[in-house]
Amino acid sequence: MALANHYLFEPVAGWEKGKVENQAGNVREWLFTPRVKFETLDDLNRWLEKRCHELSARQHPDFPSRTITECFQQEQPLLRQITTFRRLH
């Protein structure tokens, strides 16, 4: 509830958690199957950047007429900026 109050959303029980977990599994499969190896961390980062650009051009699972990038660009202005917190002693 503290998270919901902080980010100003109402928690609703439903299929959303399953949908998010399913999409995380899909991305993991798309990026890391088959398993790949790299000589350097820079090589891995270049490969991941390329793959992320390729994946963002895929159709959105809920809006097949639009790409993932198009949906994100439309949603981005509505997202709350991530802030950092200081602990109070």
PDB file of N, CA and C in Angstrom:
ATOM      1  N   MET A   1       0.818  -1.190   0.000  1.00  0.00           N
ATOM      2  CA  MET A   1       0.000   0.000   0.000  1.00  0.00           C
ATOM      3  C   MET A   1       0.864   1.257   0.000  1.00  0.00           C
ATOM      4  N   ALA A   2       2.009   1.184   0.689  1.00  0.00           N
ATOM      5  CA  ALA A   2       2.894   2.355   0.701  1.00  0.00           C
ATOM      6  C   ALA A   2       3.373   2.669  -0.710  1.00  0.00           C
ATOM      7  N   LEU A   3       3.718   1.635  -1.459  1.00  0.00           N
ATOM      8  CA  LEU A   3       4.160   1.831  -2.849  1.00  0.00           C
ATOM      9  C   LEU A   3       3.033   2.439  -3.678  1.00  0.00           C
ATOM     10  N   ALA A   4       1.830   1.893  -3.540  1.00  0.00           N
ATOM     11  CA  ALA A   4       0.690   2.403  -4.295  1.00  0.00           C
ATOM     12  C   ALA A   4       0.397   3.855  -3.932  1.00  0.00           C
ATOM     13  N   ASN A   5       0.461   4.183  -2.649  1.00  0.00           N
ATOM     14  CA  ASN A   5       0.220   5.566  -2.235  1.00  0.00           C
ATOM     15  C   ASN A   5       1.302   6.507  -2.742  1.00  0.00           C
ATOM     16  N   HIS A   6       2.545   6.043  -2.720  1.00  0.00           N
ATOM     17  CA  HIS A   6       3.637   6.897  -3.181  1.00  0.00           C
ATOM     18  C   HIS A   6       3.527   7.184  -4.675  1.00  0.00           C
ATOM     19  N   TYR A   7       3.248   6.137  -5.472  1.00  0.00           N
ATOM     20  CA  TYR A   7       3.198   6.298  -6.924  1.00  0.00           C
ATOM     21  C   TYR A   7       1.801   6.605  -7.445  1.00  0.00           C
ATOM     22  N   LEU A   8       0.861   6.810  -6.514  1.00  0.00           N
ATOM     23  CA  LEU A   8      -0.483   7.270  -6.853  1.00  0.00           C
ATOM     24  C   LEU A   8      -1.205   6.343  -7.824  1.00  0.00           C
ATOM     25  N   PHE A   9      -1.238   5.062  -7.480  1.00  0.00           N
ATOM     26  CA  PHE A   9      -2.052   4.138  -8.250  1.00  0.00           C
ATOM     27  C   PHE A   9      -2.863   3.291  -7.285  1.00  0.00           C
ATOM     28  N   GLU A  10      -3.949   2.745  -7.800  1.00  0.00           N
ATOM     29  CA  GLU A  10      -4.804   1.899  -6.971  1.00  0.00           C
ATOM     30  C   GLU A  10      -4.510   0.446  -7.303  1.00  0.00           C
ATOM     31  N   PRO A  11      -4.055  -0.323  -6.330  1.00  0.00           N
ATOM     32  CA  PRO A  11      -3.764  -1.731  -6.616  1.00  0.00           C
ATOM     33  C   PRO A  11      -5.064  -2.492  -6.893  1.00  0.00           C
ATOM     34  N   VAL A  12      -5.050  -3.245  -7.972  1.00  0.00           N
ATOM     35  CA  VAL A  12      -6.218  -4.018  -8.368  1.00  0.00           C
ATOM     36  C   VAL A  12      -5.760  -5.443  -8.616  1.00  0.00           C
ATOM     37  N   ALA A  13      -6.426  -6.387  -7.974  1.00  0.00           N
ATOM     38  CA  ALA A  13      -6.084  -7.786  -8.193  1.00  0.00           C
ATOM     39  C   ALA A  13      -6.572  -8.199  -9.573  1.00  0.00           C
ATOM     40  N   GLY A  14      -5.758  -8.974 -10.254  1.00  0.00           N
ATOM     41  CA  GLY A  14      -6.158  -9.431 -11.581  1.00  0.00           C
ATOM     42  C   GLY A  14      -5.011 -10.087 -12.300  1.00  0.00           C
ATOM     43  N   TRP A  15      -5.113 -10.111 -13.588  1.00  0.00           N
ATOM     44  CA  TRP A  15      -4.182 -10.828 -14.443  1.00  0.00           C
ATOM     45  C   TRP A  15      -2.919 -10.029 -14.732  1.00  0.00           C
ATOM     46  N   GLU A  16      -2.838  -8.766 -14.315  1.00  0.00           N
ATOM     47  CA  GLU A  16      -1.702  -7.916 -14.666  1.00  0.00           C
ATOM     48  C   GLU A  16      -0.374  -8.533 -14.259  1.00  0.00           C
ATOM     49  N   LYS A  17      -0.295  -9.085 -13.048  1.00  0.00           N
ATOM     50  CA  LYS A  17       0.962  -9.665 -12.584  1.00  0.00           C
ATOM     51  C   LYS A  17       1.389 -10.798 -13.509  1.00  0.00           C
ATOM     52  N   GLY A  18       0.452 -11.648 -13.868  1.00  0.00           N
ATOM     53  CA  GLY A  18       0.760 -12.740 -14.785  1.00  0.00           C
ATOM     54  C   GLY A  18       1.191 -12.246 -16.149  1.00  0.00           C
ATOM     55  N   LYS A  19       0.559 -11.187 -16.630  1.00  0.00           N
ATOM     56  CA  LYS A  19       0.929 -10.637 -17.938  1.00  0.00           C
ATOM     57  C   LYS A  19       2.348 -10.088 -17.901  1.00  0.00           C
ATOM     58  N   VAL A  20       2.691  -9.392 -16.822  1.00  0.00           N
ATOM     59  CA  VAL A  20       4.035  -8.824 -16.695  1.00  0.00           C
ATOM     60  C   VAL A  20       5.060  -9.948 -16.612  1.00  0.00           C
ATOM     61  N   GLU A  21       4.792 -10.948 -15.789  1.00  0.00           N
ATOM     62  CA  GLU A  21       5.727 -12.066 -15.660  1.00  0.00           C
ATOM     63  C   GLU A  21       5.876 -12.806 -16.985  1.00  0.00           C
ATOM     64  N   ASN A  22       4.782 -12.955 -17.713  1.00  0.00           N
ATOM     65  CA  ASN A  22       4.838 -13.618 -19.007  1.00  0.00           C
ATOM     66  C   ASN A  22       5.706 -12.831 -19.977  1.00  0.00           C
ATOM     67  N   GLN A  23       5.523 -11.509 -20.010  1.00  0.00           N
ATOM     68  CA  GLN A  23       6.326 -10.682 -20.915  1.00  0.00           C
ATOM     69  C   GLN A  23       7.798 -10.697 -20.529  1.00  0.00           C
ATOM     70  N   ALA A  24       8.092 -10.693 -19.227  1.00  0.00           N
ATOM     71  CA  ALA A  24       9.498 -10.782 -18.794  1.00  0.00           C
ATOM     72  C   ALA A  24      10.097 -12.093 -19.266  1.00  0.00           C
ATOM     73  N   GLY A  25       9.349 -13.171 -19.170  1.00  0.00           N
ATOM     74  CA  GLY A  25       9.823 -14.463 -19.660  1.00  0.00           C
ATOM     75  C   GLY A  25      10.031 -14.451 -21.160  1.00  0.00           C
ATOM     76  N   ASN A  26       9.126 -13.801 -21.892  1.00  0.00           N
ATOM     77  CA  ASN A  26       9.281 -13.713 -23.350  1.00  0.00           C
ATOM     78  C   ASN A  26      10.557 -12.971 -23.717  1.00  0.00           C
ATOM     79  N   VAL A  27      10.792 -11.833 -23.083  1.00  0.00           N
ATOM     80  CA  VAL A  27      11.986 -11.039 -23.399  1.00  0.00           C
ATOM     81  C   VAL A  27      13.239 -11.839 -23.062  1.00  0.00           C
ATOM     82  N   ARG A  28      13.222 -12.523 -21.933  1.00  0.00           N
ATOM     83  CA  ARG A  28      14.370 -13.355 -21.551  1.00  0.00           C
ATOM     84  C   ARG A  28      14.625 -14.416 -22.624  1.00  0.00           C
ATOM     85  N   GLU A  29      13.552 -15.038 -23.106  1.00  0.00           N
ATOM     86  CA  GLU A  29      13.701 -16.052 -24.154  1.00  0.00           C
ATOM     87  C   GLU A  29      14.193 -15.421 -25.459  1.00  0.00           C
ATOM     88  N   TRP A  30      13.620 -14.283 -25.848  1.00  0.00           N
ATOM     89  CA  TRP A  30      14.011 -13.636 -27.099  1.00  0.00           C
ATOM     90  C   TRP A  30      15.474 -13.204 -27.080  1.00  0.00           C
ATOM     91  N   LEU A  31      15.948 -12.745 -25.917  1.00  0.00           N
ATOM     92  CA  LEU A  31      17.318 -12.241 -25.838  1.00  0.00           C
ATOM     93  C   LEU A  31      18.355 -13.343 -25.623  1.00  0.00           C
ATOM     94  N   PHE A  32      18.016 -14.352 -24.860  1.00  0.00           N
ATOM     95  CA  PHE A  32      19.044 -15.282 -24.395  1.00  0.00           C
ATOM     96  C   PHE A  32      18.853 -16.719 -24.855  1.00  0.00           C
ATOM     97  N   THR A  33      18.033 -16.954 -25.887  1.00  0.00           N
ATOM     98  CA  THR A  33      17.902 -18.282 -26.473  1.00  0.00           C
ATOM     99  C   THR A  33      18.181 -18.143 -27.958  1.00  0.00           C
ATOM    100  N   PRO A  34      19.172 -18.812 -28.480  1.00  0.00           N
ATOM    101  CA  PRO A  34      20.095 -19.697 -27.783  1.00  0.00           C
ATOM    102  C   PRO A  34      21.073 -18.893 -26.921  1.00  0.00           C
ATOM    103  N   ARG A  35      21.704 -19.594 -25.997  1.00  0.00           N
ATOM    104  CA  ARG A  35      22.655 -18.950 -25.093  1.00  0.00           C
ATOM    105  C   ARG A  35      23.857 -18.471 -25.903  1.00  0.00           C
ATOM    106  N   VAL A  36      24.265 -17.244 -25.658  1.00  0.00           N
ATOM    107  CA  VAL A  36      25.372 -16.655 -26.408  1.00  0.00           C
ATOM    108  C   VAL A  36      26.533 -16.342 -25.470  1.00  0.00           C
ATOM    109  N   LYS A  37      27.736 -16.285 -26.031  1.00  0.00           N
ATOM    110  CA  LYS A  37      28.928 -15.953 -25.244  1.00  0.00           C
ATOM    111  C   LYS A  37      29.657 -14.804 -25.922  1.00  0.00           C
ATOM    112  N   PHE A  38      30.318 -13.994 -25.105  1.00  0.00           N
ATOM    113  CA  PHE A  38      31.029 -12.830 -25.613  1.00  0.00           C
ATOM    114  C   PHE A  38      32.407 -12.760 -24.991  1.00  0.00           C
ATOM    115  N   GLU A  39      33.317 -12.201 -25.755  1.00  0.00           N
ATOM    116  CA  GLU A  39      34.702 -12.059 -25.278  1.00  0.00           C
ATOM    117  C   GLU A  39      34.816 -10.962 -24.224  1.00  0.00           C
ATOM    118  N   THR A  40      34.055  -9.885 -24.420  1.00  0.00           N
ATOM    119  CA  THR A  40      34.168  -8.744 -23.502  1.00  0.00           C
ATOM    120  C   THR A  40      32.784  -8.245 -23.111  1.00  0.00           C
ATOM    121  N   LEU A  41      32.739  -7.485 -22.047  1.00  0.00           N
ATOM    122  CA  LEU A  41      31.489  -6.863 -21.619  1.00  0.00           C
ATOM    123  C   LEU A  41      31.005  -5.855 -22.664  1.00  0.00           C
ATOM    124  N   ASP A  42      31.921  -5.161 -23.309  1.00  0.00           N
ATOM    125  CA  ASP A  42      31.538  -4.216 -24.370  1.00  0.00           C
ATOM    126  C   ASP A  42      30.853  -4.941 -25.523  1.00  0.00           C
ATOM    127  N   ASP A  43      31.368  -6.125 -25.893  1.00  0.00           N
ATOM    128  CA  ASP A  43      30.735  -6.920 -26.952  1.00  0.00           C
ATOM    129  C   ASP A  43      29.307  -7.294 -26.559  1.00  0.00           C
ATOM    130  N   LEU A  44      29.125  -7.725 -25.313  1.00  0.00           N
ATOM    131  CA  LEU A  44      27.793  -8.073 -24.821  1.00  0.00           C
ATOM    132  C   LEU A  44      26.878  -6.856 -24.866  1.00  0.00           C
ATOM    133  N   ASN A  45      27.345  -5.710 -24.401  1.00  0.00           N
ATOM    134  CA  ASN A  45      26.519  -4.501 -24.382  1.00  0.00           C
ATOM    135  C   ASN A  45      26.118  -4.067 -25.785  1.00  0.00           C
ATOM    136  N   ARG A  46      27.034  -4.159 -26.747  1.00  0.00           N
ATOM    137  CA  ARG A  46      26.703  -3.807 -28.131  1.00  0.00           C
ATOM    138  C   ARG A  46      25.632  -4.753 -28.684  1.00  0.00           C
ATOM    139  N   TRP A  47      25.805  -6.035 -28.396  1.00  0.00           N
ATOM    140  CA  TRP A  47      24.843  -7.024 -28.871  1.00  0.00           C
ATOM    141  C   TRP A  47      23.470  -6.797 -28.233  1.00  0.00           C
ATOM    142  N   LEU A  48      23.431  -6.539 -26.917  1.00  0.00           N
ATOM    143  CA  LEU A  48      22.165  -6.290 -26.229  1.00  0.00           C
ATOM    144  C   LEU A  48      21.474  -5.039 -26.766  1.00  0.00           C
ATOM    145  N   GLU A  49      22.244  -3.993 -27.020  1.00  0.00           N
ATOM    146  CA  GLU A  49      21.651  -2.768 -27.559  1.00  0.00           C
ATOM    147  C   GLU A  49      20.998  -3.038 -28.913  1.00  0.00           C
ATOM    148  N   LYS A  50      21.696  -3.779 -29.759  1.00  0.00           N
ATOM    149  CA  LYS A  50      21.157  -4.125 -31.080  1.00  0.00           C
ATOM    150  C   LYS A  50      19.882  -4.952 -30.929  1.00  0.00           C
ATOM    151  N   ARG A  51      19.913  -5.951 -30.069  1.00  0.00           N
ATOM    152  CA  ARG A  51      18.747  -6.819 -29.875  1.00  0.00           C
ATOM    153  C   ARG A  51      17.564  -6.031 -29.302  1.00  0.00           C
ATOM    154  N   CYS A  52      17.830  -5.125 -28.375  1.00  0.00           N
ATOM    155  CA  CYS A  52      16.745  -4.326 -27.788  1.00  0.00           C
ATOM    156  C   CYS A  52      16.077  -3.456 -28.853  1.00  0.00           C
ATOM    157  N   HIS A  53      16.861  -2.889 -29.757  1.00  0.00           N
ATOM    158  CA  HIS A  53      16.287  -2.097 -30.849  1.00  0.00           C
ATOM    159  C   HIS A  53      15.436  -2.984 -31.750  1.00  0.00           C
ATOM    160  N   GLU A  54      15.925  -4.185 -32.034  1.00  0.00           N
ATOM    161  CA  GLU A  54      15.159  -5.116 -32.865  1.00  0.00           C
ATOM    162  C   GLU A  54      13.849  -5.497 -32.186  1.00  0.00           C
ATOM    163  N   LEU A  55      13.914  -5.795 -30.889  1.00  0.00           N
ATOM    164  CA  LEU A  55      12.713  -6.214 -30.167  1.00  0.00           C
ATOM    165  C   LEU A  55      11.701  -5.086 -30.027  1.00  0.00           C
ATOM    166  N   SER A  56      12.180  -3.857 -29.905  1.00  0.00           N
ATOM    167  CA  SER A  56      11.251  -2.736 -29.749  1.00  0.00           C
ATOM    168  C   SER A  56      10.440  -2.499 -31.017  1.00  0.00           C
ATOM    169  N   ALA A  57      10.883  -3.052 -32.131  1.00  0.00           N
ATOM    170  CA  ALA A  57      10.145  -2.919 -33.387  1.00  0.00           C
ATOM    171  C   ALA A  57       9.074  -4.009 -33.526  1.00  0.00           C
ATOM    172  N   ARG A  58       9.033  -4.952 -32.584  1.00  0.00           N
ATOM    173  CA  ARG A  58       8.003  -5.998 -32.615  1.00  0.00           C
ATOM    174  C   ARG A  58       6.627  -5.410 -32.339  1.00  0.00           C
ATOM    175  N   GLN A  59       5.609  -6.160 -32.730  1.00  0.00           N
ATOM    176  CA  GLN A  59       4.250  -5.761 -32.425  1.00  0.00           C
ATOM    177  C   GLN A  59       4.022  -5.823 -30.920  1.00  0.00           C
ATOM    178  N   HIS A  60       3.256  -4.879 -30.416  1.00  0.00           N
ATOM    179  CA  HIS A  60       2.891  -4.875 -28.999  1.00  0.00           C
ATOM    180  C   HIS A  60       1.901  -6.025 -28.774  1.00  0.00           C
ATOM    181  N   PRO A  61       2.053  -6.797 -27.680  1.00  0.00           N
ATOM    182  CA  PRO A  61       1.171  -7.945 -27.475  1.00  0.00           C
ATOM    183  C   PRO A  61      -0.305  -7.582 -27.273  1.00  0.00           C
ATOM    184  N   ASP A  62      -0.581  -6.398 -26.732  1.00  0.00           N
ATOM    185  CA  ASP A  62      -1.977  -5.996 -26.522  1.00  0.00           C
ATOM    186  C   ASP A  62      -2.523  -5.125 -27.647  1.00  0.00           C
ATOM    187  N   PHE A  63      -1.647  -4.523 -28.429  1.00  0.00           N
ATOM    188  CA  PHE A  63      -2.053  -3.635 -29.521  1.00  0.00           C
ATOM    189  C   PHE A  63      -1.301  -4.032 -30.787  1.00  0.00           C
ATOM    190  N   PRO A  64      -1.724  -5.095 -31.458  1.00  0.00           N
ATOM    191  CA  PRO A  64      -0.965  -5.653 -32.586  1.00  0.00           C
ATOM    192  C   PRO A  64      -0.769  -4.701 -33.765  1.00  0.00           C
ATOM    193  N   SER A  65      -1.561  -3.641 -33.843  1.00  0.00           N
ATOM    194  CA  SER A  65      -1.379  -2.701 -34.959  1.00  0.00           C
ATOM    195  C   SER A  65      -0.255  -1.705 -34.692  1.00  0.00           C
ATOM    196  N   ARG A  66       0.331  -1.764 -33.468  1.00  0.00           N
ATOM    197  CA  ARG A  66       1.406  -0.832 -33.112  1.00  0.00           C
ATOM    198  C   ARG A  66       2.618  -1.603 -32.606  1.00  0.00           C
ATOM    199  N   THR A  67       3.781  -0.967 -32.706  1.00  0.00           N
ATOM    200  CA  THR A  67       4.999  -1.591 -32.193  1.00  0.00           C
ATOM    201  C   THR A  67       5.146  -1.288 -30.705  1.00  0.00           C
ATOM    202  N   ILE A  68       6.046  -2.015 -30.064  1.00  0.00           N
ATOM    203  CA  ILE A  68       6.343  -1.772 -28.658  1.00  0.00           C
ATOM    204  C   ILE A  68       6.844  -0.340 -28.482  1.00  0.00           C
ATOM    205  N   THR A  69       7.695   0.114 -29.399  1.00  0.00           N
ATOM    206  CA  THR A  69       8.225   1.480 -29.325  1.00  0.00           C
ATOM    207  C   THR A  69       7.116   2.519 -29.439  1.00  0.00           C
ATOM    208  N   GLU A  70       6.199   2.319 -30.362  1.00  0.00           N
ATOM    209  CA  GLU A  70       5.104   3.276 -30.530  1.00  0.00           C
ATOM    210  C   GLU A  70       4.259   3.376 -29.258  1.00  0.00           C
ATOM    211  N   CYS A  71       3.972   2.240 -28.655  1.00  0.00           N
ATOM    212  CA  CYS A  71       3.182   2.242 -27.413  1.00  0.00           C
ATOM    213  C   CYS A  71       3.945   2.921 -26.286  1.00  0.00           C
ATOM    214  N   PHE A  72       5.244   2.641 -26.186  1.00  0.00           N
ATOM    215  CA  PHE A  72       6.040   3.261 -25.133  1.00  0.00           C
ATOM    216  C   PHE A  72       6.113   4.771 -25.318  1.00  0.00           C
ATOM    217  N   GLN A  73       6.297   5.226 -26.549  1.00  0.00           N
ATOM    218  CA  GLN A  73       6.367   6.667 -26.803  1.00  0.00           C
ATOM    219  C   GLN A  73       5.063   7.362 -26.425  1.00  0.00           C
ATOM    220  N   GLN A  74       3.939   6.695 -26.650  1.00  0.00           N
ATOM    221  CA  GLN A  74       2.652   7.273 -26.280  1.00  0.00           C
ATOM    222  C   GLN A  74       2.477   7.284 -24.757  1.00  0.00           C
ATOM    223  N   GLU A  75       2.964   6.252 -24.097  1.00  0.00           N
ATOM    224  CA  GLU A  75       2.791   6.129 -22.646  1.00  0.00           C
ATOM    225  C   GLU A  75       3.808   6.948 -21.845  1.00  0.00           C
ATOM    226  N   GLN A  76       4.975   7.185 -22.406  1.00  0.00           N
ATOM    227  CA  GLN A  76       6.078   7.800 -21.666  1.00  0.00           C
ATOM    228  C   GLN A  76       5.710   9.124 -20.980  1.00  0.00           C
ATOM    229  N   PRO A  77       4.978  10.038 -21.622  1.00  0.00           N
ATOM    230  CA  PRO A  77       4.648  11.294 -20.924  1.00  0.00           C
ATOM    231  C   PRO A  77       3.760  11.085 -19.690  1.00  0.00           C
ATOM    232  N   LEU A  78       3.102   9.952 -19.610  1.00  0.00           N
ATOM    233  CA  LEU A  78       2.215   9.679 -18.485  1.00  0.00           C
ATOM    234  C   LEU A  78       2.923   8.999 -17.317  1.00  0.00           C
ATOM    235  N   LEU A  79       4.164   8.561 -17.527  1.00  0.00           N
ATOM    236  CA  LEU A  79       4.897   7.858 -16.484  1.00  0.00           C
ATOM    237  C   LEU A  79       5.491   8.843 -15.495  1.00  0.00           C
ATOM    238  N   ARG A  80       5.520   8.450 -14.260  1.00  0.00           N
ATOM    239  CA  ARG A  80       6.117   9.284 -13.223  1.00  0.00           C
ATOM    240  C   ARG A  80       7.626   9.083 -13.226  1.00  0.00           C
ATOM    241  N   GLN A  81       8.352  10.164 -13.134  1.00  0.00           N
ATOM    242  CA  GLN A  81       9.802  10.103 -13.131  1.00  0.00           C
ATOM    243  C   GLN A  81      10.304   9.386 -11.871  1.00  0.00           C
ATOM    244  N   ILE A  82      11.298   8.557 -12.030  1.00  0.00           N
ATOM    245  CA  ILE A  82      11.878   7.844 -10.899  1.00  0.00           C
ATOM    246  C   ILE A  82      12.678   8.829 -10.060  1.00  0.00           C
ATOM    247  N   THR A  83      12.440   8.794  -8.763  1.00  0.00           N
ATOM    248  CA  THR A  83      13.167   9.675  -7.856  1.00  0.00           C
ATOM    249  C   THR A  83      13.990   8.838  -6.893  1.00  0.00           C
ATOM    250  N   THR A  84      15.004   9.449  -6.341  1.00  0.00           N
ATOM    251  CA  THR A  84      15.808   8.752  -5.340  1.00  0.00           C
ATOM    252  C   THR A  84      15.362   9.209  -3.965  1.00  0.00           C
ATOM    253  N   PHE A  85      15.576   8.342  -2.999  1.00  0.00           N
ATOM    254  CA  PHE A  85      15.138   8.643  -1.648  1.00  0.00           C
ATOM    255  C   PHE A  85      16.323   8.680  -0.714  1.00  0.00           C
ATOM    256  N   ARG A  86      16.244   9.535   0.279  1.00  0.00           N
ATOM    257  CA  ARG A  86      17.246   9.570   1.350  1.00  0.00           C
ATOM    258  C   ARG A  86      16.617   8.969   2.577  1.00  0.00           C
ATOM    259  N   ARG A  87      17.373   8.159   3.253  1.00  0.00           N
ATOM    260  CA  ARG A  87      16.886   7.603   4.509  1.00  0.00           C
ATOM    261  C   ARG A  87      16.981   8.650   5.604  1.00  0.00           C
ATOM    262  N   LEU A  88      15.980   8.696   6.423  1.00  0.00           N
ATOM    263  CA  LEU A  88      15.998   9.594   7.573  1.00  0.00           C
ATOM    264  C   LEU A  88      16.548   8.817   8.765  1.00  0.00           C
ATOM    265  N   HIS A  89      17.462   9.411   9.491  1.00  0.00           N
ATOM    266  CA  HIS A  89      18.066   8.704  10.639  1.00  0.00           C
ATOM    267  C   HIS A  89      17.310   8.969  11.897  1.00  0.00           C
TER     268      HIS A  89
END
